[in-house]
């Protein structure tokens, strides 16, 4: 897998919206900021201060609580809308990118760009079907290769039993499986390097990655 350019992170790991505060905590913020209880709480522990604030909140009338409850509902609605927008950014149509591409979010601007896994090249505009890059099949781990071998022999076993059989193998057999897995990873990396060189020769003057053009807007 090609390393993401500096300043980019996978779109699915983007910053989540901040959860809305309850009416009680909104009221606590107001009380603390107005210093109404400074003398009473001075030198008290946090646990005692929390008990005092909770008791005061329970003494408030419904009319006194209403502004904070309305503010909390508005914040919760905004939080739900932000969550919906965040989900739409990840799952919006079209749902799939062309093969060999992944969506990334620029940390500096919070804008979405796209990175080619094979070449490491990034761009603002969404790649089309013509930009698809057929990647070599990703190699599997030694344990997964062992499991696939069992399946080829007609043994479709639960994961726990596969793990038990794997752990029961002689050390020399395990080393052979691990050596084969390392060799497969080496071949995979070499194929990616060769593909990257070939694509670089075919597409000279590739555009700069999004983090290098953070001051500009993405192209439509």
N, C-alpha and C. Protein backbone atom coordinates (compact mmCIF):
# COMPACT_ATOMS: atom_id res chain seq x y z
N UNK A 1 0.85 -1.20 0.00
CA UNK A 1 0.00 0.00 0.00
C UNK A 1 0.89 1.25 0.00
N UNK A 2 0.65 2.16 -0.91
CA UNK A 2 1.43 3.39 -0.95
C UNK A 2 1.14 4.25 0.26
N UNK A 3 2.19 4.90 0.79
CA UNK A 3 2.01 5.77 1.94
C UNK A 3 1.31 7.06 1.52
N UNK A 4 0.37 7.52 2.36
CA UNK A 4 -0.36 8.75 2.04
C UNK A 4 0.57 9.94 2.13
N UNK A 5 0.43 10.94 1.25
CA UNK A 5 1.24 12.14 1.35
C UNK A 5 1.04 12.84 2.68
N UNK A 6 2.07 13.56 3.11
CA UNK A 6 2.00 14.27 4.38
C UNK A 6 0.84 15.28 4.37
N UNK A 7 0.09 15.30 5.45
CA UNK A 7 -1.04 16.22 5.54
C UNK A 7 -2.35 15.60 5.13
N UNK A 8 -2.35 14.35 4.68
CA UNK A 8 -3.58 13.68 4.27
C UNK A 8 -3.84 12.50 5.20
N UNK A 9 -5.09 12.19 5.40
CA UNK A 9 -5.47 11.02 6.18
C UNK A 9 -6.67 10.38 5.52
N UNK A 10 -6.90 9.06 5.77
CA UNK A 10 -8.05 8.40 5.15
C UNK A 10 -9.34 9.12 5.49
N UNK A 11 -10.26 9.16 4.53
CA UNK A 11 -11.50 9.91 4.72
C UNK A 11 -12.30 9.34 5.87
N UNK A 12 -12.26 8.03 6.04
CA UNK A 12 -13.03 7.42 7.11
C UNK A 12 -12.56 7.81 8.49
N UNK A 13 -11.34 8.38 8.63
CA UNK A 13 -10.80 8.79 9.92
C UNK A 13 -10.92 10.28 10.13
N UNK A 14 -11.76 10.94 9.38
CA UNK A 14 -11.89 12.38 9.52
C UNK A 14 -12.44 12.73 10.89
N UNK A 15 -12.25 13.98 11.30
CA UNK A 15 -12.67 14.42 12.63
C UNK A 15 -14.18 14.32 12.76
N UNK A 16 -14.63 13.71 13.85
CA UNK A 16 -16.05 13.56 14.10
C UNK A 16 -16.61 14.84 14.69
N UNK A 17 -17.88 15.16 14.43
CA UNK A 17 -18.48 16.35 15.02
C UNK A 17 -18.54 16.23 16.54
N UNK A 18 -18.45 17.37 17.22
CA UNK A 18 -18.44 17.38 18.68
C UNK A 18 -19.84 17.10 19.20
N UNK A 19 -19.92 16.17 20.17
CA UNK A 19 -21.22 15.77 20.72
C UNK A 19 -21.84 16.93 21.49
N UNK A 20 -23.18 17.06 21.39
CA UNK A 20 -23.90 18.16 22.04
C UNK A 20 -23.89 17.99 23.55
N UNK A 21 -23.87 19.12 24.28
CA UNK A 21 -23.89 19.10 25.74
C UNK A 21 -25.34 19.09 26.23
N UNK A 22 -25.54 18.49 27.39
CA UNK A 22 -26.88 18.43 27.97
C UNK A 22 -27.26 19.77 28.57
N UNK A 23 -28.55 19.94 28.86
CA UNK A 23 -29.01 21.19 29.46
C UNK A 23 -28.35 21.43 30.82
N UNK A 24 -28.12 20.36 31.57
CA UNK A 24 -27.49 20.51 32.89
C UNK A 24 -26.08 21.08 32.75
N UNK A 25 -25.29 20.55 31.83
CA UNK A 25 -23.92 21.03 31.68
C UNK A 25 -23.88 22.43 31.08
N UNK A 26 -24.84 22.76 30.24
CA UNK A 26 -24.92 24.14 29.75
C UNK A 26 -25.17 25.10 30.90
N UNK A 27 -26.06 24.70 31.82
CA UNK A 27 -26.34 25.54 32.99
C UNK A 27 -25.09 25.64 33.87
N UNK A 28 -24.37 24.53 34.05
CA UNK A 28 -23.14 24.55 34.85
C UNK A 28 -22.12 25.52 34.26
N UNK A 29 -22.01 25.53 32.94
CA UNK A 29 -21.08 26.47 32.31
C UNK A 29 -21.46 27.91 32.62
N UNK A 30 -22.75 28.19 32.58
CA UNK A 30 -23.22 29.55 32.87
C UNK A 30 -22.92 29.93 34.32
N UNK A 31 -23.17 29.01 35.24
CA UNK A 31 -22.93 29.29 36.66
C UNK A 31 -21.45 29.52 36.91
N UNK A 32 -20.61 28.68 36.34
CA UNK A 32 -19.17 28.83 36.57
C UNK A 32 -18.65 30.12 35.98
N UNK A 33 -19.14 30.47 34.79
CA UNK A 33 -18.64 31.69 34.14
C UNK A 33 -19.09 32.95 34.86
N UNK A 34 -20.23 32.88 35.57
CA UNK A 34 -20.73 34.06 36.28
C UNK A 34 -20.19 34.18 37.70
N UNK A 35 -19.43 33.16 38.15
CA UNK A 35 -18.80 33.18 39.48
C UNK A 35 -19.83 33.27 40.59
N UNK A 36 -21.02 32.74 40.38
CA UNK A 36 -22.06 32.83 41.41
C UNK A 36 -21.75 31.95 42.61
N UNK A 37 -21.02 30.86 42.39
CA UNK A 37 -20.77 29.94 43.49
C UNK A 37 -19.30 29.92 43.90
N UNK A 38 -18.53 30.93 43.48
CA UNK A 38 -17.10 30.91 43.77
C UNK A 38 -16.83 30.85 45.27
N UNK A 39 -17.52 31.67 46.05
CA UNK A 39 -17.27 31.69 47.48
C UNK A 39 -17.68 30.38 48.15
N UNK A 40 -18.81 29.85 47.72
CA UNK A 40 -19.30 28.62 48.33
C UNK A 40 -18.44 27.42 47.97
N UNK A 41 -17.89 27.41 46.77
CA UNK A 41 -17.12 26.26 46.30
C UNK A 41 -15.62 26.44 46.44
N UNK A 42 -15.18 27.57 46.93
CA UNK A 42 -13.75 27.85 47.04
C UNK A 42 -13.09 26.83 47.95
N UNK A 43 -12.04 26.17 47.46
CA UNK A 43 -11.32 25.19 48.25
C UNK A 43 -11.98 23.83 48.32
N UNK A 44 -13.13 23.65 47.68
CA UNK A 44 -13.84 22.38 47.72
C UNK A 44 -13.32 21.45 46.61
N UNK A 45 -13.47 20.16 46.85
CA UNK A 45 -13.06 19.20 45.84
C UNK A 45 -14.07 19.20 44.69
N UNK A 46 -13.66 18.58 43.58
CA UNK A 46 -14.54 18.52 42.41
C UNK A 46 -15.80 17.72 42.70
N UNK A 47 -15.67 16.65 43.52
CA UNK A 47 -16.83 15.83 43.85
C UNK A 47 -17.87 16.64 44.62
N UNK A 48 -17.41 17.44 45.60
CA UNK A 48 -18.33 18.27 46.38
C UNK A 48 -18.97 19.33 45.50
N UNK A 49 -18.16 19.96 44.64
CA UNK A 49 -18.69 20.98 43.74
C UNK A 49 -19.77 20.40 42.83
N UNK A 50 -19.55 19.16 42.34
CA UNK A 50 -20.55 18.52 41.49
C UNK A 50 -21.85 18.27 42.24
N UNK A 51 -21.74 17.86 43.51
CA UNK A 51 -22.95 17.62 44.31
C UNK A 51 -23.72 18.92 44.53
N UNK A 52 -22.99 20.03 44.79
CA UNK A 52 -23.64 21.31 45.01
C UNK A 52 -24.35 21.77 43.74
N UNK A 53 -23.68 21.66 42.61
CA UNK A 53 -24.29 22.07 41.34
C UNK A 53 -25.50 21.21 41.00
N UNK A 54 -25.40 19.90 41.24
CA UNK A 54 -26.53 19.02 40.96
C UNK A 54 -27.74 19.37 41.83
N UNK A 55 -27.48 19.68 43.10
CA UNK A 55 -28.59 20.05 43.98
C UNK A 55 -29.22 21.37 43.54
N UNK A 56 -28.40 22.31 43.12
CA UNK A 56 -28.94 23.60 42.65
C UNK A 56 -29.76 23.42 41.39
N UNK A 57 -29.30 22.54 40.49
CA UNK A 57 -30.03 22.31 39.24
C UNK A 57 -31.42 21.72 39.53
N UNK A 58 -31.48 20.81 40.49
CA UNK A 58 -32.76 20.18 40.82
C UNK A 58 -33.74 21.18 41.46
N UNK A 59 -33.21 22.25 42.03
CA UNK A 59 -34.06 23.25 42.67
C UNK A 59 -34.64 24.24 41.67
N UNK A 60 -34.10 24.26 40.45
CA UNK A 60 -34.59 25.21 39.45
C UNK A 60 -36.01 24.85 39.04
N UNK A 61 -36.78 25.85 38.71
CA UNK A 61 -38.13 25.63 38.20
C UNK A 61 -38.07 25.24 36.73
N UNK A 62 -39.14 24.64 36.19
CA UNK A 62 -39.16 24.30 34.76
C UNK A 62 -38.93 25.51 33.87
N UNK A 63 -39.45 26.67 34.29
CA UNK A 63 -39.24 27.88 33.49
C UNK A 63 -37.76 28.27 33.47
N UNK A 64 -37.06 28.08 34.60
CA UNK A 64 -35.64 28.43 34.66
C UNK A 64 -34.79 27.44 33.86
N UNK A 65 -35.23 26.20 33.78
CA UNK A 65 -34.49 25.19 33.02
C UNK A 65 -34.74 25.28 31.51
N UNK A 66 -35.90 25.85 31.13
CA UNK A 66 -36.32 25.80 29.73
C UNK A 66 -35.28 26.37 28.76
N UNK A 67 -34.66 27.55 29.01
CA UNK A 67 -33.68 28.08 28.03
C UNK A 67 -32.52 27.11 27.78
N UNK A 68 -32.06 26.44 28.83
CA UNK A 68 -30.95 25.52 28.66
C UNK A 68 -31.39 24.25 27.94
N UNK A 69 -32.62 23.81 28.18
CA UNK A 69 -33.12 22.64 27.48
C UNK A 69 -33.32 22.92 26.00
N UNK A 70 -33.80 24.13 25.68
CA UNK A 70 -33.96 24.49 24.27
C UNK A 70 -32.60 24.60 23.57
N UNK A 71 -31.64 25.17 24.28
CA UNK A 71 -30.30 25.28 23.70
C UNK A 71 -29.70 23.89 23.48
N UNK A 72 -29.92 22.99 24.43
CA UNK A 72 -29.40 21.63 24.29
C UNK A 72 -30.05 20.92 23.11
N UNK A 73 -31.37 21.08 22.93
CA UNK A 73 -32.05 20.45 21.78
C UNK A 73 -31.50 20.98 20.46
N UNK A 74 -31.25 22.28 20.41
CA UNK A 74 -30.70 22.85 19.18
C UNK A 74 -29.30 22.28 18.88
N UNK A 75 -28.51 22.13 19.94
CA UNK A 75 -27.17 21.56 19.75
C UNK A 75 -27.24 20.10 19.31
N UNK A 76 -28.20 19.36 19.87
CA UNK A 76 -28.36 17.96 19.47
C UNK A 76 -28.80 17.84 18.02
N UNK A 77 -29.70 18.74 17.60
CA UNK A 77 -30.12 18.72 16.19
C UNK A 77 -28.94 19.02 15.28
N UNK A 78 -28.12 20.00 15.67
CA UNK A 78 -26.94 20.34 14.87
C UNK A 78 -25.96 19.18 14.82
N UNK A 79 -25.83 18.47 15.95
CA UNK A 79 -24.93 17.32 16.00
C UNK A 79 -25.41 16.22 15.05
N UNK A 80 -26.72 15.97 15.03
CA UNK A 80 -27.26 14.94 14.15
C UNK A 80 -27.06 15.31 12.68
N UNK A 81 -27.24 16.61 12.38
CA UNK A 81 -27.03 17.04 10.99
C UNK A 81 -25.56 16.88 10.61
N UNK A 82 -24.65 17.21 11.52
CA UNK A 82 -23.22 17.07 11.22
C UNK A 82 -22.86 15.60 11.02
N UNK A 83 -23.45 14.71 11.84
CA UNK A 83 -23.20 13.28 11.66
C UNK A 83 -23.70 12.81 10.30
N UNK A 84 -24.88 13.29 9.90
CA UNK A 84 -25.43 12.90 8.60
C UNK A 84 -24.53 13.37 7.47
N UNK A 85 -24.03 14.61 7.56
CA UNK A 85 -23.13 15.14 6.53
C UNK A 85 -21.83 14.35 6.48
N UNK A 86 -21.32 13.96 7.66
CA UNK A 86 -20.08 13.20 7.71
C UNK A 86 -20.26 11.83 7.06
N UNK A 87 -21.40 11.19 7.34
CA UNK A 87 -21.67 9.90 6.74
C UNK A 87 -21.85 10.02 5.23
N UNK A 88 -22.52 11.09 4.81
CA UNK A 88 -22.74 11.29 3.37
C UNK A 88 -21.42 11.52 2.65
N UNK A 89 -20.46 12.16 3.33
CA UNK A 89 -19.16 12.41 2.69
C UNK A 89 -18.42 11.11 2.42
N UNK A 90 -18.70 10.09 3.25
CA UNK A 90 -18.01 8.81 3.08
C UNK A 90 -18.78 7.89 2.15
N UNK A 91 -20.13 7.92 2.23
CA UNK A 91 -20.94 6.94 1.51
C UNK A 91 -21.75 7.54 0.38
N UNK A 92 -21.50 8.80 -0.01
CA UNK A 92 -22.30 9.44 -1.03
C UNK A 92 -22.09 8.77 -2.40
N UNK A 93 -23.09 8.88 -3.27
CA UNK A 93 -22.99 8.34 -4.62
C UNK A 93 -22.04 9.17 -5.45
N UNK A 94 -21.25 8.59 -6.37
CA UNK A 94 -21.13 7.15 -6.53
C UNK A 94 -20.35 6.54 -5.37
N UNK A 95 -20.77 5.35 -4.88
CA UNK A 95 -20.20 4.82 -3.65
C UNK A 95 -18.77 4.33 -3.80
N UNK A 96 -18.37 3.95 -5.00
CA UNK A 96 -17.06 3.36 -5.17
C UNK A 96 -16.18 4.22 -6.07
N UNK A 97 -14.91 4.32 -5.71
CA UNK A 97 -13.92 4.97 -6.55
C UNK A 97 -13.39 3.95 -7.55
N UNK A 98 -12.75 4.41 -8.64
CA UNK A 98 -12.12 3.47 -9.56
C UNK A 98 -11.07 2.64 -8.83
N UNK A 99 -10.82 1.46 -9.34
CA UNK A 99 -9.83 0.59 -8.71
C UNK A 99 -8.47 1.28 -8.63
N UNK A 100 -7.82 1.14 -7.47
CA UNK A 100 -6.49 1.72 -7.30
C UNK A 100 -6.49 3.12 -6.72
N UNK A 101 -7.68 3.65 -6.31
CA UNK A 101 -7.78 5.01 -5.75
C UNK A 101 -8.44 4.97 -4.38
N UNK A 102 -8.11 5.95 -3.53
CA UNK A 102 -8.76 6.08 -2.24
C UNK A 102 -9.01 7.56 -1.95
N UNK A 103 -10.11 7.83 -1.22
CA UNK A 103 -10.43 9.19 -0.81
C UNK A 103 -9.66 9.53 0.45
N UNK A 104 -9.10 10.75 0.50
CA UNK A 104 -8.36 11.22 1.66
C UNK A 104 -8.81 12.64 1.98
N UNK A 105 -8.64 13.04 3.23
CA UNK A 105 -9.04 14.38 3.64
C UNK A 105 -7.80 15.19 4.00
N UNK A 106 -7.67 16.38 3.42
CA UNK A 106 -6.56 17.26 3.72
C UNK A 106 -6.73 17.82 5.13
N UNK A 107 -5.74 17.59 6.00
CA UNK A 107 -5.84 18.00 7.40
C UNK A 107 -5.91 19.51 7.52
N UNK A 108 -5.17 20.23 6.69
CA UNK A 108 -5.12 21.68 6.81
C UNK A 108 -6.41 22.37 6.40
N UNK A 109 -7.05 21.87 5.34
CA UNK A 109 -8.24 22.53 4.80
C UNK A 109 -9.53 21.76 5.05
N UNK A 110 -9.43 20.50 5.48
CA UNK A 110 -10.59 19.63 5.70
C UNK A 110 -11.33 19.34 4.39
N UNK A 111 -10.64 19.51 3.25
CA UNK A 111 -11.23 19.20 1.96
C UNK A 111 -10.84 17.80 1.52
N UNK A 112 -11.66 17.20 0.66
CA UNK A 112 -11.44 15.82 0.23
C UNK A 112 -10.64 15.81 -1.07
N UNK A 113 -9.59 14.99 -1.08
CA UNK A 113 -8.81 14.76 -2.29
C UNK A 113 -8.75 13.27 -2.56
N UNK A 114 -8.00 12.87 -3.59
CA UNK A 114 -7.96 11.47 -4.00
C UNK A 114 -6.52 11.08 -4.30
N UNK A 115 -6.11 9.89 -3.84
CA UNK A 115 -4.75 9.41 -3.99
C UNK A 115 -4.74 8.09 -4.73
N UNK A 116 -3.86 7.99 -5.71
CA UNK A 116 -3.67 6.74 -6.44
C UNK A 116 -2.74 5.85 -5.62
N UNK A 117 -3.21 4.67 -5.27
CA UNK A 117 -2.43 3.78 -4.41
C UNK A 117 -1.14 3.34 -5.10
N UNK A 118 -1.19 3.10 -6.38
CA UNK A 118 -0.02 2.59 -7.09
C UNK A 118 1.08 3.63 -7.23
N UNK A 119 0.70 4.86 -7.53
CA UNK A 119 1.70 5.89 -7.82
C UNK A 119 1.93 6.85 -6.66
N UNK A 120 0.99 6.91 -5.69
CA UNK A 120 1.11 7.90 -4.63
C UNK A 120 0.70 9.28 -5.08
N UNK A 121 0.26 9.45 -6.32
CA UNK A 121 -0.13 10.76 -6.85
C UNK A 121 -1.49 11.16 -6.30
N UNK A 122 -1.63 12.42 -5.87
CA UNK A 122 -2.87 12.93 -5.31
C UNK A 122 -3.42 14.05 -6.18
N UNK A 123 -4.74 14.20 -6.14
CA UNK A 123 -5.39 15.24 -6.93
C UNK A 123 -6.70 15.62 -6.25
N UNK A 124 -7.18 16.83 -6.60
CA UNK A 124 -8.43 17.31 -6.00
C UNK A 124 -9.65 16.69 -6.67
N UNK A 125 -9.67 16.62 -8.02
CA UNK A 125 -10.88 16.17 -8.71
C UNK A 125 -11.04 14.66 -8.59
N UNK A 126 -12.28 14.22 -8.52
CA UNK A 126 -12.58 12.79 -8.37
C UNK A 126 -12.16 12.04 -9.63
N UNK A 127 -11.41 10.94 -9.48
CA UNK A 127 -10.99 10.19 -10.68
C UNK A 127 -12.18 9.49 -11.32
N UNK A 128 -12.11 9.35 -12.62
CA UNK A 128 -13.17 8.67 -13.35
C UNK A 128 -12.79 7.23 -13.66
N UNK A 129 -13.68 6.56 -14.35
CA UNK A 129 -13.44 5.15 -14.69
C UNK A 129 -12.18 4.99 -15.53
N UNK A 130 -11.86 6.02 -16.33
CA UNK A 130 -10.66 5.92 -17.18
C UNK A 130 -9.38 5.98 -16.37
N UNK A 131 -9.47 6.41 -15.11
CA UNK A 131 -8.28 6.52 -14.25
C UNK A 131 -8.03 5.26 -13.44
N UNK A 132 -8.86 4.23 -13.62
CA UNK A 132 -8.71 3.00 -12.83
C UNK A 132 -7.34 2.38 -13.07
N UNK A 133 -6.76 1.88 -12.00
CA UNK A 133 -5.45 1.22 -12.05
C UNK A 133 -5.61 -0.18 -11.48
N UNK A 134 -5.34 -1.20 -12.29
CA UNK A 134 -5.47 -2.58 -11.82
C UNK A 134 -4.28 -2.92 -10.94
N UNK A 135 -4.53 -3.08 -9.66
CA UNK A 135 -3.46 -3.39 -8.72
C UNK A 135 -3.22 -4.90 -8.68
N UNK A 136 -1.98 -5.31 -8.39
CA UNK A 136 -1.74 -6.74 -8.19
C UNK A 136 -2.45 -7.23 -6.95
N UNK A 137 -2.83 -8.50 -6.90
CA UNK A 137 -3.54 -9.01 -5.72
C UNK A 137 -2.67 -8.89 -4.48
N UNK A 138 -3.30 -8.43 -3.39
CA UNK A 138 -2.56 -8.25 -2.14
C UNK A 138 -2.26 -9.61 -1.51
N UNK A 139 -1.04 -9.83 -1.07
CA UNK A 139 -0.70 -11.11 -0.45
C UNK A 139 -1.37 -11.26 0.92
N UNK A 140 -1.56 -12.49 1.33
CA UNK A 140 -2.20 -12.78 2.61
C UNK A 140 -1.14 -13.17 3.63
N UNK A 141 -1.53 -13.18 4.89
CA UNK A 141 -0.61 -13.57 5.96
C UNK A 141 -0.36 -15.08 5.92
N UNK A 142 0.64 -15.53 6.69
CA UNK A 142 0.95 -16.95 6.72
C UNK A 142 -0.22 -17.76 7.27
N UNK A 143 -0.87 -17.25 8.32
CA UNK A 143 -2.00 -17.96 8.89
C UNK A 143 -3.16 -18.03 7.90
N UNK A 144 -3.43 -16.92 7.20
CA UNK A 144 -4.51 -16.90 6.23
C UNK A 144 -4.21 -17.86 5.07
N UNK A 145 -2.96 -17.96 4.65
CA UNK A 145 -2.59 -18.89 3.59
C UNK A 145 -2.82 -20.32 4.05
N UNK A 146 -2.53 -20.59 5.32
CA UNK A 146 -2.79 -21.91 5.89
C UNK A 146 -4.28 -22.21 5.87
N UNK A 147 -5.10 -21.21 6.23
CA UNK A 147 -6.55 -21.39 6.23
C UNK A 147 -7.07 -21.65 4.82
N UNK A 148 -6.56 -20.90 3.83
CA UNK A 148 -6.99 -21.10 2.45
C UNK A 148 -6.60 -22.50 1.96
N UNK A 149 -5.44 -22.99 2.41
CA UNK A 149 -5.03 -24.35 2.02
C UNK A 149 -5.99 -25.38 2.58
N UNK A 150 -6.45 -25.17 3.82
CA UNK A 150 -7.43 -26.09 4.39
C UNK A 150 -8.74 -26.06 3.59
N UNK A 151 -9.16 -24.85 3.18
CA UNK A 151 -10.39 -24.73 2.40
C UNK A 151 -10.26 -25.42 1.04
N UNK A 152 -9.08 -25.31 0.44
CA UNK A 152 -8.89 -26.00 -0.85
C UNK A 152 -8.98 -27.52 -0.69
N UNK A 153 -8.64 -28.00 0.52
CA UNK A 153 -8.74 -29.43 0.80
C UNK A 153 -10.14 -29.82 1.25
N UNK A 154 -11.08 -28.88 1.20
CA UNK A 154 -12.46 -29.18 1.57
C UNK A 154 -12.76 -29.04 3.04
N UNK A 155 -11.88 -28.40 3.80
CA UNK A 155 -12.08 -28.23 5.24
C UNK A 155 -12.43 -26.77 5.54
N UNK A 156 -13.71 -26.46 5.57
CA UNK A 156 -14.17 -25.12 5.93
C UNK A 156 -14.42 -25.11 7.44
N UNK A 157 -13.42 -24.72 8.21
CA UNK A 157 -13.47 -24.82 9.67
C UNK A 157 -13.75 -23.47 10.30
N UNK A 158 -14.31 -23.45 11.51
CA UNK A 158 -14.47 -22.19 12.25
C UNK A 158 -13.11 -21.56 12.53
N UNK A 159 -13.12 -20.25 12.74
CA UNK A 159 -11.86 -19.54 12.94
C UNK A 159 -11.08 -20.07 14.15
N UNK A 160 -11.80 -20.42 15.22
CA UNK A 160 -11.11 -20.91 16.42
C UNK A 160 -10.38 -22.22 16.14
N UNK A 161 -11.01 -23.10 15.37
CA UNK A 161 -10.37 -24.38 15.07
C UNK A 161 -9.18 -24.19 14.13
N UNK A 162 -9.30 -23.25 13.18
CA UNK A 162 -8.16 -22.96 12.31
C UNK A 162 -6.99 -22.45 13.14
N UNK A 163 -7.29 -21.55 14.09
CA UNK A 163 -6.23 -21.02 14.94
C UNK A 163 -5.60 -22.13 15.77
N UNK A 164 -6.41 -23.04 16.29
CA UNK A 164 -5.87 -24.14 17.09
C UNK A 164 -4.96 -25.03 16.25
N UNK A 165 -5.38 -25.31 15.02
CA UNK A 165 -4.54 -26.13 14.14
C UNK A 165 -3.24 -25.41 13.79
N UNK A 166 -3.35 -24.11 13.57
CA UNK A 166 -2.16 -23.32 13.23
C UNK A 166 -1.16 -23.35 14.39
N UNK A 167 -1.65 -23.20 15.60
CA UNK A 167 -0.75 -23.19 16.77
C UNK A 167 -0.17 -24.57 17.05
N UNK A 168 -0.85 -25.60 16.57
CA UNK A 168 -0.36 -26.97 16.79
C UNK A 168 0.67 -27.40 15.75
N UNK A 169 0.91 -26.59 14.73
CA UNK A 169 1.89 -26.95 13.70
C UNK A 169 3.29 -26.97 14.30
N UNK A 170 4.16 -27.83 13.78
CA UNK A 170 5.56 -27.81 14.22
C UNK A 170 6.21 -26.47 13.88
N UNK A 171 7.14 -26.01 14.70
CA UNK A 171 7.79 -24.71 14.44
C UNK A 171 8.40 -24.62 13.04
N UNK A 172 8.97 -25.72 12.55
CA UNK A 172 9.59 -25.67 11.24
C UNK A 172 8.55 -25.43 10.14
N UNK A 173 7.37 -26.04 10.29
CA UNK A 173 6.29 -25.82 9.31
C UNK A 173 5.80 -24.39 9.35
N UNK A 174 5.67 -23.82 10.55
CA UNK A 174 5.25 -22.42 10.68
C UNK A 174 6.26 -21.51 10.02
N UNK A 175 7.55 -21.78 10.21
CA UNK A 175 8.59 -20.94 9.59
C UNK A 175 8.52 -21.02 8.07
N UNK A 176 8.18 -22.19 7.55
CA UNK A 176 8.06 -22.31 6.09
C UNK A 176 6.90 -21.47 5.57
N UNK A 177 5.75 -21.52 6.27
CA UNK A 177 4.60 -20.70 5.87
C UNK A 177 4.95 -19.22 5.95
N UNK A 178 5.62 -18.80 7.01
CA UNK A 178 5.98 -17.38 7.18
C UNK A 178 6.98 -16.94 6.13
N UNK A 179 7.92 -17.80 5.76
CA UNK A 179 8.88 -17.46 4.71
C UNK A 179 8.17 -17.29 3.37
N UNK A 180 7.18 -18.16 3.10
CA UNK A 180 6.43 -18.02 1.85
C UNK A 180 5.62 -16.73 1.84
N UNK A 181 5.06 -16.34 3.00
CA UNK A 181 4.29 -15.11 3.07
C UNK A 181 5.20 -13.90 2.86
N UNK A 182 6.41 -13.92 3.44
CA UNK A 182 7.36 -12.81 3.23
C UNK A 182 7.76 -12.70 1.77
N UNK A 183 7.97 -13.84 1.14
CA UNK A 183 8.33 -13.82 -0.28
C UNK A 183 7.20 -13.24 -1.12
N UNK A 184 5.96 -13.60 -0.79
CA UNK A 184 4.82 -13.06 -1.53
C UNK A 184 4.70 -11.56 -1.34
N UNK A 185 4.96 -11.06 -0.12
CA UNK A 185 4.92 -9.61 0.11
C UNK A 185 6.02 -8.91 -0.67
N UNK A 186 7.19 -9.53 -0.75
CA UNK A 186 8.27 -8.93 -1.53
C UNK A 186 7.92 -8.82 -3.00
N UNK A 187 7.30 -9.87 -3.55
CA UNK A 187 6.88 -9.83 -4.95
C UNK A 187 5.82 -8.75 -5.16
N UNK A 188 4.89 -8.64 -4.21
CA UNK A 188 3.84 -7.63 -4.31
C UNK A 188 4.43 -6.22 -4.32
N UNK A 189 5.37 -5.95 -3.41
CA UNK A 189 5.98 -4.62 -3.36
C UNK A 189 6.77 -4.33 -4.63
N UNK A 190 7.45 -5.33 -5.16
CA UNK A 190 8.20 -5.13 -6.39
C UNK A 190 7.27 -4.82 -7.55
N UNK A 191 6.12 -5.51 -7.61
CA UNK A 191 5.15 -5.24 -8.67
C UNK A 191 4.59 -3.82 -8.55
N UNK A 192 4.36 -3.37 -7.30
CA UNK A 192 3.88 -2.00 -7.12
C UNK A 192 4.92 -0.99 -7.56
N UNK A 193 6.20 -1.24 -7.22
CA UNK A 193 7.25 -0.31 -7.64
C UNK A 193 7.36 -0.25 -9.15
N UNK A 194 7.29 -1.42 -9.80
CA UNK A 194 7.37 -1.43 -11.26
C UNK A 194 6.17 -0.70 -11.87
N UNK A 195 4.98 -0.91 -11.31
CA UNK A 195 3.80 -0.23 -11.82
C UNK A 195 3.92 1.28 -11.63
N UNK A 196 4.47 1.70 -10.49
CA UNK A 196 4.63 3.12 -10.23
C UNK A 196 5.57 3.77 -11.23
N UNK A 197 6.67 3.09 -11.53
CA UNK A 197 7.62 3.64 -12.50
C UNK A 197 6.99 3.71 -13.88
N UNK A 198 6.27 2.68 -14.27
CA UNK A 198 5.66 2.67 -15.60
C UNK A 198 4.61 3.77 -15.73
N UNK A 199 3.79 3.95 -14.69
CA UNK A 199 2.76 4.99 -14.75
C UNK A 199 3.38 6.38 -14.74
N UNK A 200 4.49 6.55 -14.00
CA UNK A 200 5.16 7.85 -13.97
C UNK A 200 5.71 8.22 -15.34
N UNK A 201 6.20 7.21 -16.07
CA UNK A 201 6.72 7.47 -17.41
C UNK A 201 5.59 7.80 -18.38
N UNK A 202 4.42 7.19 -18.16
CA UNK A 202 3.29 7.42 -19.06
C UNK A 202 2.59 8.75 -18.79
N UNK A 203 2.65 9.26 -17.53
CA UNK A 203 1.95 10.49 -17.16
C UNK A 203 2.93 11.47 -16.55
N UNK A 204 3.83 12.07 -17.35
CA UNK A 204 4.77 13.05 -16.80
C UNK A 204 4.05 14.31 -16.37
N UNK A 205 4.67 15.04 -15.44
CA UNK A 205 4.08 16.30 -14.99
C UNK A 205 2.81 16.11 -14.23
N UNK A 206 2.76 15.11 -13.34
CA UNK A 206 1.54 14.85 -12.56
C UNK A 206 1.23 16.03 -11.66
N UNK A 207 -0.05 16.31 -11.41
CA UNK A 207 -0.42 17.44 -10.56
C UNK A 207 0.08 17.28 -9.14
N UNK A 208 0.25 18.40 -8.42
CA UNK A 208 0.72 18.36 -7.06
C UNK A 208 -0.35 17.77 -6.15
N UNK A 209 0.06 17.10 -5.07
CA UNK A 209 -0.92 16.56 -4.13
C UNK A 209 -1.67 17.66 -3.43
N UNK A 210 -2.86 17.36 -2.87
CA UNK A 210 -3.69 18.40 -2.27
C UNK A 210 -3.00 19.20 -1.20
N UNK A 211 -2.14 18.57 -0.32
CA UNK A 211 -1.56 19.34 0.76
C UNK A 211 -0.60 20.40 0.25
N UNK A 212 -0.06 20.22 -1.00
CA UNK A 212 0.82 21.22 -1.57
C UNK A 212 0.05 22.38 -2.16
N UNK A 213 -1.25 22.21 -2.35
CA UNK A 213 -2.10 23.25 -2.93
C UNK A 213 -3.23 23.59 -1.98
N UNK A 214 -2.93 23.58 -0.66
CA UNK A 214 -3.98 23.73 0.34
C UNK A 214 -4.65 25.08 0.28
N UNK A 215 -4.00 26.08 -0.30
CA UNK A 215 -4.59 27.42 -0.34
C UNK A 215 -5.56 27.59 -1.48
N UNK A 216 -5.66 26.57 -2.34
CA UNK A 216 -6.55 26.68 -3.49
C UNK A 216 -7.76 25.81 -3.28
N UNK A 217 -8.80 26.05 -4.01
CA UNK A 217 -10.03 25.26 -3.90
C UNK A 217 -9.91 24.07 -4.81
N UNK A 218 -10.54 22.92 -4.47
CA UNK A 218 -10.50 21.75 -5.34
C UNK A 218 -11.24 22.01 -6.62
N UNK A 219 -10.73 21.39 -7.65
CA UNK A 219 -11.37 21.55 -8.94
C UNK A 219 -12.60 20.69 -9.01
N UNK A 220 -13.63 21.16 -9.66
CA UNK A 220 -14.86 20.38 -9.79
C UNK A 220 -14.63 19.25 -10.76
